[in-house]
């Protein structure tokens, strides 16, 4: 009996799809935080 490695839910999405989506969401949040930090640093340096 073959084990199903990518089970599909009732809407047709696999678990792997949601795992990849979560990873991309986390990457986007990290990138946004870095951008905010750089913008803050730039603002601070221009005020001096």
Protein backbone atom coordinates (compact mmCIF):
# COMPACT_ATOMS: atom_id res chain seq x y z
CA UNK A 1 0.00 0.00 0.00
CA UNK A 2 1.44 3.34 -1.09
CA UNK A 3 1.50 6.15 1.47
CA UNK A 4 0.04 9.44 0.24
CA UNK A 5 2.90 11.94 0.63
CA UNK A 6 0.87 15.00 -0.32
CA UNK A 7 -2.65 14.63 1.08
CA UNK A 8 -5.22 16.88 -0.55
CA UNK A 9 -7.85 18.60 1.58
CA UNK A 10 -11.49 19.00 0.55
CA UNK A 11 -10.73 22.28 -1.30
CA UNK A 12 -8.02 20.71 -3.43
CA UNK A 13 -4.99 22.15 -1.62
CA UNK A 14 -2.12 20.05 -0.34
CA UNK A 15 -0.44 20.46 3.04
CA UNK A 16 2.79 21.34 1.24
CA UNK A 17 1.05 24.29 -0.46
CA UNK A 18 0.16 25.76 2.92
CA UNK A 19 3.65 25.10 4.28
CA UNK A 20 5.20 26.96 1.34
CA UNK A 21 2.67 29.76 1.70
CA UNK A 22 3.56 30.13 5.37
CA UNK A 23 7.28 30.25 4.54
CA UNK A 24 6.72 32.98 1.96
CA UNK A 25 4.57 34.95 4.39
CA UNK A 26 7.31 34.73 7.03
CA UNK A 27 9.93 35.85 4.50
CA UNK A 28 7.78 38.81 3.49
CA UNK A 29 7.33 39.86 7.12
CA UNK A 30 11.08 39.60 7.73
CA UNK A 31 11.78 41.66 4.62
CA UNK A 32 9.24 44.30 5.67
CA UNK A 33 10.82 44.55 9.12
CA UNK A 34 14.26 45.03 7.56
CA UNK A 35 12.89 47.72 5.25
CA UNK A 36 11.31 49.58 8.19
CA UNK A 37 14.58 49.38 10.11
CA UNK A 38 16.55 50.74 7.15
CA UNK A 39 14.06 53.54 6.65
CA UNK A 40 14.33 54.44 10.34
CA UNK A 41 18.14 54.45 10.14
CA UNK A 42 18.01 56.63 7.03
CA UNK A 43 15.61 59.06 8.70
CA UNK A 44 17.85 59.30 11.75
CA UNK A 45 20.97 59.91 9.65
CA UNK A 46 19.31 62.68 7.61
CA UNK A 47 18.18 64.50 10.76
CA UNK A 48 21.73 64.94 12.00
